[in-house]
Amino acid sequence: MKKLSKKESSSKLENFFSNIFNKSPKEVKKAKRLAMSHNIKLKDKRKLFCKKCLTPYRGNEKVRINKGVKSITCKHCGYISHYRIKKS
């Protein structure tokens, strides 16, 4: 198997995250490992899937905003992810 360069890996990750909604948790795990192996930051893309079970959010999760913190509850495993919201 040919080893990918950092540019090739980042373009592959961009393509992967453009249509993440029809991916499995196993595929998300592979993409995350690829990013980690090449030290590529996922930034806002990491908010597209559950931190615990790696299931992509498909729009049916529970979202709450309270005091500048966005809480997303995964429908698959029930894990609650918290993200700060930037104040403008």
Protein backbone atom coordinates (compact mmCIF):
# COMPACT_ATOMS: atom_id res chain seq x y z
CA MET A 1 0.00 0.00 0.00
CA LYS A 2 1.32 3.42 -1.00
CA LYS A 3 1.90 5.90 1.82
CA LEU A 4 -0.01 9.18 1.38
CA SER A 5 1.58 12.60 1.69
CA LYS A 6 0.14 15.25 3.99
CA LYS A 7 -1.47 17.16 1.08
CA GLU A 8 -3.04 14.00 -0.33
CA SER A 9 -4.34 13.08 3.11
CA SER A 10 -5.87 16.52 3.71
CA SER A 11 -7.63 16.45 0.32
CA LYS A 12 -8.91 12.94 1.09
CA LEU A 13 -10.24 14.17 4.45
CA GLU A 14 -11.94 17.18 2.81
CA ASN A 15 -13.68 14.81 0.41
CA PHE A 16 -14.68 12.50 3.27
CA PHE A 17 -16.20 15.27 5.41
CA SER A 18 -18.11 16.79 2.49
CA ASN A 19 -20.55 13.86 2.64
CA ILE A 20 -20.13 12.51 6.19
CA PHE A 21 -23.86 12.01 6.77
CA ASN A 22 -23.97 8.65 4.99
CA LYS A 23 -20.82 7.22 6.64
CA SER A 24 -20.46 4.56 9.33
CA PRO A 25 -18.64 5.01 12.66
CA LYS A 26 -15.91 2.65 11.39
CA GLU A 27 -15.22 4.97 8.44
CA VAL A 28 -15.16 8.02 10.75
CA LYS A 29 -12.61 6.24 12.94
CA LYS A 30 -10.37 5.57 9.91
CA ALA A 31 -10.58 9.21 8.83
CA LYS A 32 -9.76 10.39 12.34
CA ARG A 33 -6.73 8.08 12.46
CA LEU A 34 -5.54 9.36 9.09
CA ALA A 35 -5.74 12.94 10.37
CA MET A 36 -3.89 12.04 13.57
CA SER A 37 -1.13 10.17 11.72
CA HIS A 38 -0.37 13.23 9.56
CA ASN A 39 -0.99 15.79 12.35
CA ILE A 40 -3.92 17.39 10.47
CA LYS A 41 -6.29 19.45 12.61
CA LEU A 42 -9.99 18.65 12.11
CA LYS A 43 -11.13 21.97 13.65
CA ASP A 44 -14.90 22.42 13.13
CA LYS A 45 -15.23 19.05 11.38
CA ARG A 46 -14.93 17.26 14.73
CA LYS A 47 -18.32 18.70 15.68
CA LEU A 48 -19.99 16.69 12.89
CA PHE A 49 -19.82 13.37 14.78
CA CYS A 50 -20.18 12.06 18.34
CA LYS A 51 -16.99 12.10 20.43
CA LYS A 52 -17.78 8.77 22.05
CA CYS A 53 -19.40 6.45 19.50
CA LEU A 54 -18.21 8.33 16.33
CA THR A 55 -21.69 8.23 14.77
CA PRO A 56 -22.21 11.18 12.39
CA TYR A 57 -24.89 13.67 13.45
CA ARG A 58 -27.69 13.50 10.89
CA GLY A 59 -29.86 16.34 12.16
CA ASN A 60 -31.97 14.29 14.57
CA GLU A 61 -29.84 14.92 17.68
CA LYS A 62 -30.94 17.12 20.56
CA VAL A 63 -29.30 20.58 20.58
CA ARG A 64 -29.49 23.01 23.49
CA ILE A 65 -27.87 26.42 23.99
CA ASN A 66 -27.44 27.79 27.49
CA LYS A 67 -25.13 30.60 28.70
CA GLY A 68 -22.83 30.51 25.68
CA VAL A 69 -22.48 26.71 25.67
CA LYS A 70 -23.95 24.50 22.95
CA SER A 71 -24.87 20.98 24.15
CA ILE A 72 -25.46 18.22 21.61
CA THR A 73 -26.99 14.93 22.81
CA CYS A 74 -26.25 11.90 20.62
CA LYS A 75 -29.37 9.87 19.80
CA HIS A 76 -27.30 6.72 19.34
CA CYS A 77 -25.38 6.52 22.66
CA GLY A 78 -26.81 9.41 24.73
CA TYR A 79 -23.44 11.15 25.19
CA ILE A 80 -23.61 14.93 25.63
CA SER A 81 -20.95 17.03 23.87
CA HIS A 82 -20.39 20.60 25.03
CA TYR A 83 -18.96 23.37 22.83
CA ARG A 84 -18.43 27.04 23.65
CA ILE A 85 -20.07 29.55 21.32
CA LYS A 86 -17.98 32.57 20.33
CA LYS A 87 -19.46 35.89 21.33
CA SER A 88 -19.53 38.44 18.53
